[in-house]
Amino acid sequence: MKVHPCLFYVPASRIDKLLKHVPRESVALVLDLEDSVPKQAKPAARERLGAVDLTGTGHAGVWVRINSIETPDGLLDIQMLLALDGRIGGLPVETVLVPRICDARDVAIYRSLLSGLSDPPEICSFIETVDAVENAFEIAAVSDGLCFGQADLVAEMWAPDESYLAHARARMCVAASRYGLPVIDTNSFELWDMDIVLAQSKAAKQCGYTGKAAIHPKQVDVIVETFGISPGELDHHYQTIKDYEADEVGFAVSKNRVLAPPFVLKARRTIALHSGIARPVR
């Protein structure tokens, strides 16, 4: 799955009104049918996705977050995607975000249901249940990416236990890296103080996340600046590999760096991830 520094969520029920605010650069456009759309508005939201024109957004494809197939709306969302043959507004649905995942079997069901499309989308699984935290590695093994749903996870707890949340974050980030997957941090509900969003983004990157969700255009630049990787950074990783392979000893220490197998492995994995060639082991 391609790495995007930012996932920008737009409620499907308001897509027509919000199109002009959709960022064009360095973001994946997520059409949301789940939490941002109240139950009574979900049928109309599906109708809007069937009629909207997204060809002028500058995006080559879109992502869709559907409702859980444990609910009637989730089944109707799947039926909508099948009826549209995986295209919305003239663009292909590249990735489907699936909520309330508990184990690998859940992911397999979604993949099977979407396999009949002409170009089946990738599956990005939400880690937002206690079961999903415990089963993070088996979920990662059959997914194309992971997203953290902190608000839903906290809703299962009596209190937002920071030690457990840190455990959940670490577990899913390690699981994602184990299988070469992008891993997206939960969105921020801070809409005014971008210093807070910056601090949250830096903490998430330090934990191992490769991107973060946004729910407001104000948040996008800060998130992209934090998680974006420049061509220069990739060039540095390529040079690390080249220099190591050219060194007769295979280990070198200089003033600015150490050339050794662990650092070369890190360079190769980073290039693979950001080149879109890292894939889960199945």
Protein backbone atom coordinates (compact mmCIF):
# COMPACT_ATOMS: atom_id res chain seq x y z
CA MET A 1 0.00 0.00 0.00
CA LYS A 2 1.34 3.42 -0.92
CA VAL A 3 2.55 5.52 2.00
CA HIS A 4 0.64 8.77 2.43
CA PRO A 5 1.78 11.25 5.11
CA CYS A 6 -1.84 12.26 5.67
CA LEU A 7 -5.27 10.67 5.29
CA PHE A 8 -7.84 13.44 4.83
CA TYR A 9 -11.35 12.40 5.87
CA VAL A 10 -14.44 13.86 4.23
CA PRO A 11 -17.95 12.83 5.38
CA ALA A 12 -19.64 11.17 2.40
CA SER A 13 -22.90 12.89 3.36
CA ARG A 14 -21.30 16.31 2.74
CA ILE A 15 -18.92 15.50 -0.10
CA ASP A 16 -20.55 17.95 -2.55
CA LYS A 17 -20.20 20.91 -0.16
CA LEU A 18 -16.67 20.05 0.99
CA LEU A 19 -15.00 19.24 -2.34
CA LYS A 20 -13.52 22.72 -2.67
CA HIS A 21 -11.70 22.27 0.65
CA VAL A 22 -10.09 18.94 -0.26
CA PRO A 23 -6.26 19.22 -0.27
CA ARG A 24 -4.59 17.99 -3.46
CA GLU A 25 -1.01 17.34 -2.40
CA SER A 26 0.49 14.56 -0.26
CA VAL A 27 -2.84 13.29 1.06
CA ALA A 28 -5.09 10.32 0.49
CA LEU A 29 -8.71 11.40 0.12
CA VAL A 30 -10.89 9.26 2.42
CA LEU A 31 -14.63 9.25 1.78
CA ASP A 32 -16.12 8.39 5.15
CA LEU A 33 -19.36 6.44 5.51
CA GLU A 34 -18.80 5.50 9.14
CA ASP A 35 -18.38 7.73 12.22
CA SER A 36 -18.78 11.13 10.54
CA VAL A 37 -22.15 10.16 9.03
CA PRO A 38 -25.12 9.71 11.40
CA LYS A 39 -27.15 6.56 10.92
CA GLN A 40 -30.16 8.33 9.44
CA ALA A 41 -27.95 10.02 6.83
CA LYS A 42 -26.09 6.91 5.64
CA PRO A 43 -28.52 5.96 2.82
CA ALA A 44 -28.29 9.48 1.37
CA ALA A 45 -24.50 9.40 1.75
CA ARG A 46 -24.29 6.24 -0.34
CA GLU A 47 -26.48 7.87 -2.98
CA ARG A 48 -24.18 10.90 -3.07
CA LEU A 49 -21.14 8.70 -3.65
CA GLY A 50 -22.95 7.10 -6.56
CA ALA A 51 -23.55 10.47 -8.21
CA VAL A 52 -20.57 12.66 -7.24
CA ASP A 53 -17.89 13.76 -9.73
CA LEU A 54 -14.38 13.63 -8.26
CA THR A 55 -12.40 13.96 -11.47
CA GLY A 56 -11.60 17.60 -10.73
CA THR A 57 -10.05 16.98 -7.32
CA GLY A 58 -6.58 16.25 -8.67
CA HIS A 59 -6.57 12.79 -7.06
CA ALA A 60 -5.87 9.64 -9.04
CA GLY A 61 -7.97 7.49 -6.71
CA VAL A 62 -9.89 7.55 -3.45
CA TRP A 63 -10.13 5.62 -0.20
CA VAL A 64 -13.43 4.70 1.44
CA ARG A 65 -14.10 3.96 5.10
CA ILE A 66 -17.13 1.71 5.30
CA ASN A 67 -19.23 0.61 8.25
CA SER A 68 -18.62 -2.72 9.93
CA ILE A 69 -20.25 -5.67 8.18
CA GLU A 70 -21.63 -6.60 11.58
CA THR A 71 -24.20 -3.90 10.79
CA PRO A 72 -26.76 -3.61 7.96
CA ASP A 73 -25.08 -0.38 6.83
CA GLY A 74 -21.78 -2.20 6.42
CA LEU A 75 -23.39 -4.76 4.13
CA LEU A 76 -25.08 -1.99 2.15
CA ASP A 77 -21.72 -0.20 1.81
CA ILE A 78 -20.20 -3.35 0.33
CA GLN A 79 -23.15 -3.72 -2.04
CA MET A 80 -22.66 -0.11 -3.16
CA LEU A 81 -18.98 -0.72 -3.95
CA LEU A 82 -19.87 -3.85 -5.90
CA ALA A 83 -22.61 -2.04 -7.82
CA LEU A 84 -20.17 0.73 -8.75
CA ASP A 85 -17.47 -1.84 -9.59
CA GLY A 86 -15.06 -0.13 -7.23
CA ARG A 87 -15.22 3.32 -8.80
CA ILE A 88 -16.58 6.49 -7.19
CA GLY A 89 -16.93 9.81 -8.95
CA GLY A 90 -14.91 8.58 -11.92
CA LEU A 91 -11.96 7.48 -9.75
CA PRO A 92 -10.92 3.99 -8.63
CA VAL A 93 -11.33 3.03 -4.99
CA GLU A 94 -7.71 2.25 -4.12
CA THR A 95 -8.19 1.27 -0.49
CA VAL A 96 -11.09 0.32 1.76
CA LEU A 97 -10.67 1.07 5.45
CA VAL A 98 -12.46 -1.53 7.55
CA PRO A 99 -13.46 -0.76 11.15
CA ARG A 100 -13.97 -2.83 14.28
CA ILE A 101 -11.59 -5.59 13.19
CA CYS A 102 -11.02 -8.27 15.82
CA ASP A 103 -8.84 -10.87 14.09
CA ALA A 104 -7.43 -12.02 10.76
CA ARG A 105 -10.64 -13.82 9.81
CA ASP A 106 -12.49 -10.49 9.73
CA VAL A 107 -10.00 -9.14 7.19
CA ALA A 108 -10.36 -12.28 5.06
CA ILE A 109 -14.13 -11.78 4.91
CA TYR A 110 -13.81 -8.21 3.63
CA ARG A 111 -11.21 -9.28 1.07
CA SER A 112 -13.45 -12.08 -0.14
CA LEU A 113 -16.48 -9.80 -0.46
CA LEU A 114 -14.50 -7.28 -2.53
CA SER A 115 -12.66 -9.85 -4.65
CA GLY A 116 -15.32 -9.73 -7.36
CA LEU A 117 -14.45 -6.17 -8.36
CA SER A 118 -12.57 -5.61 -11.60
CA ASP A 119 -9.70 -4.10 -9.59
CA PRO A 120 -10.06 -5.20 -5.94
CA PRO A 121 -8.94 -2.48 -3.51
CA GLU A 122 -6.36 -2.89 -0.81
CA ILE A 123 -7.54 -3.41 2.76
CA CYS A 124 -6.47 -1.12 5.58
CA SER A 125 -7.56 -2.50 8.96
CA PHE A 126 -8.47 -0.42 11.99
CA ILE A 127 -6.88 -1.38 15.28
CA GLU A 128 -9.57 0.02 17.56
CA THR A 129 -10.75 -2.89 19.68
CA VAL A 130 -9.09 -4.68 22.58
CA ASP A 131 -9.20 -7.89 20.54
CA ALA A 132 -7.46 -6.17 17.63
CA VAL A 133 -4.66 -4.97 19.89
CA GLU A 134 -4.07 -8.51 21.10
CA ASN A 135 -4.26 -9.90 17.54
CA ALA A 136 -2.33 -7.07 15.87
CA PHE A 137 0.31 -9.32 14.33
CA GLU A 138 -2.11 -11.76 12.72
CA ILE A 139 -4.22 -8.83 11.45
CA ALA A 140 -1.14 -7.15 9.98
CA ALA A 141 -0.16 -10.40 8.25
CA VAL A 142 -3.31 -10.31 6.07
CA SER A 143 -3.76 -6.52 5.69
CA ASP A 144 -2.22 -3.95 3.37
CA GLY A 145 -2.03 -1.26 6.06
CA LEU A 146 -3.13 -0.47 9.62
CA CYS A 147 -4.93 2.53 11.15
CA PHE A 148 -5.26 3.36 14.83
CA GLY A 149 -8.75 4.16 16.12
CA GLN A 150 -8.00 5.55 19.57
CA ALA A 151 -11.46 6.97 20.29
CA ASP A 152 -13.18 3.62 19.70
CA LEU A 153 -10.55 1.77 21.72
CA VAL A 154 -10.96 4.16 24.65
CA ALA A 155 -14.74 3.65 24.45
CA GLU A 156 -14.13 -0.02 25.37
CA MET A 157 -12.22 1.01 28.48
CA TRP A 158 -13.42 2.42 31.78
CA ALA A 159 -10.78 5.13 31.52
CA PRO A 160 -8.21 6.22 28.89
CA ASP A 161 -5.36 4.29 30.48
CA GLU A 162 -2.25 5.88 28.96
CA SER A 163 -0.04 2.89 29.71
CA TYR A 164 -2.40 0.58 27.81
CA LEU A 165 -2.76 3.04 24.93
CA ALA A 166 1.03 3.24 24.68
CA HIS A 167 1.09 -0.57 24.60
CA ALA A 168 -1.53 -0.58 21.82
CA ARG A 169 0.36 1.98 19.76
CA ALA A 170 3.66 0.18 20.13
CA ARG A 171 2.16 -3.22 19.37
CA MET A 172 0.47 -2.12 16.15
CA CYS A 173 3.50 -0.13 14.95
CA VAL A 174 5.80 -3.11 15.51
CA ALA A 175 3.28 -5.42 13.80
CA ALA A 176 3.10 -3.07 10.81
CA SER A 177 6.88 -2.85 10.51
CA ARG A 178 7.14 -6.64 10.84
CA TYR A 179 5.05 -7.02 7.68
CA GLY A 180 6.25 -3.92 5.83
CA LEU A 181 2.99 -1.99 6.11
CA PRO A 182 2.15 1.70 6.36
CA VAL A 183 0.61 2.49 9.75
CA ILE A 184 -1.59 5.55 10.27
CA ASP A 185 -2.10 7.34 13.57
CA THR A 186 -5.51 8.35 14.85
CA ASN A 187 -6.84 11.78 13.92
CA SER A 188 -6.51 14.80 16.17
CA PHE A 189 -9.62 16.55 17.47
CA GLU A 190 -7.63 19.77 17.94
CA LEU A 191 -8.82 22.20 15.28
CA TRP A 192 -7.32 25.49 16.43
CA ASP A 193 -3.88 25.08 18.04
CA MET A 194 -1.63 23.55 15.39
CA ASP A 195 1.26 23.39 17.88
CA ILE A 196 -0.71 20.65 19.62
CA VAL A 197 -1.24 18.81 16.34
CA LEU A 198 2.49 19.17 15.63
CA ALA A 199 3.40 17.71 19.02
CA GLN A 200 0.96 14.82 18.51
CA SER A 201 2.37 14.17 15.04
CA LYS A 202 5.97 14.15 16.23
CA ALA A 203 5.11 11.75 19.07
CA ALA A 204 3.32 9.44 16.63
CA LYS A 205 6.27 9.45 14.22
CA GLN A 206 8.64 8.64 17.07
CA CYS A 207 6.41 5.68 17.96
CA GLY A 208 6.67 4.32 14.42
CA TYR A 209 3.65 5.66 12.57
CA THR A 210 4.16 6.52 8.90
CA GLY A 211 1.28 9.00 8.68
CA LYS A 212 -1.67 10.55 10.50
CA ALA A 213 -5.35 11.14 9.79
CA ALA A 214 -6.78 14.66 9.44
CA ILE A 215 -10.35 15.86 9.75
CA HIS A 216 -9.78 19.55 8.94
CA PRO A 217 -7.72 21.31 6.24
CA LYS A 218 -5.85 23.28 8.94
CA GLN A 219 -4.25 20.07 10.17
CA VAL A 220 -2.91 18.89 6.83
CA ASP A 221 0.24 21.00 6.39
CA VAL A 222 1.53 20.19 9.88
CA ILE A 223 0.95 16.48 9.39
CA VAL A 224 2.49 16.37 5.93
CA GLU A 225 5.52 18.34 7.13
CA THR A 226 6.05 15.85 9.95
CA PHE A 227 5.54 12.59 8.07
CA GLY A 228 6.58 13.49 4.53
CA ILE A 229 9.84 12.06 3.23
CA SER A 230 11.85 14.08 0.73
CA PRO A 231 13.75 12.76 -2.29
CA GLY A 232 16.89 13.86 -0.47
CA GLU A 233 16.15 11.55 2.43
CA LEU A 234 15.63 8.62 0.08
CA ASP A 235 18.83 9.53 -1.76
CA HIS A 236 20.65 9.34 1.57
CA HIS A 237 19.37 5.79 2.10
CA TYR A 238 20.40 4.79 -1.43
CA GLN A 239 23.85 6.23 -0.80
CA THR A 240 24.16 4.32 2.46
CA ILE A 241 23.53 1.04 0.62
CA LYS A 242 25.89 1.99 -2.22
CA ASP A 243 28.72 2.97 0.11
CA TYR A 244 28.34 -0.15 2.23
CA GLU A 245 28.40 -2.45 -0.77
CA ALA A 246 31.46 -0.67 -2.16
CA ASP A 247 33.43 -0.95 1.09
CA GLU A 248 35.79 -3.90 1.06
CA VAL A 249 35.52 -4.40 4.81
CA GLY A 250 31.74 -4.04 4.96
CA PHE A 251 31.95 -1.91 8.09
CA ALA A 252 33.11 1.67 8.35
CA VAL A 253 33.09 4.42 10.96
CA SER A 254 33.44 8.06 10.00
CA LYS A 255 32.81 11.38 11.69
CA ASN A 256 29.22 11.55 10.48
CA ARG A 257 28.01 7.97 10.31
CA VAL A 258 28.52 4.27 10.86
CA LEU A 259 28.14 1.81 7.97
CA ALA A 260 27.02 -1.53 9.33
CA PRO A 261 24.40 -4.19 8.44
CA PRO A 262 21.63 -2.86 10.75
CA PHE A 263 21.80 0.60 9.15
CA VAL A 264 21.80 -0.86 5.66
CA LEU A 265 18.79 -3.00 6.52
CA LYS A 266 17.00 0.11 7.79
CA ALA A 267 17.81 1.91 4.54
CA ARG A 268 16.50 -0.96 2.42
CA ARG A 269 13.27 -1.23 4.41
CA THR A 270 12.64 2.52 4.24
CA ILE A 271 13.16 2.56 0.47
CA ALA A 272 10.88 -0.45 0.06
CA LEU A 273 8.12 1.14 2.14
CA HIS A 274 8.17 4.50 0.37
CA SER A 275 8.56 2.94 -3.06
CA GLY A 276 5.33 1.00 -2.50
CA ILE A 277 6.99 -2.39 -2.88
CA ALA A 278 6.80 -3.56 0.73
CA ARG A 279 4.07 -6.16 1.07
CA PRO A 280 2.72 -8.29 3.91
CA VAL A 281 3.72 -11.91 4.16
CA ARG A 282 0.73 -14.15 3.33
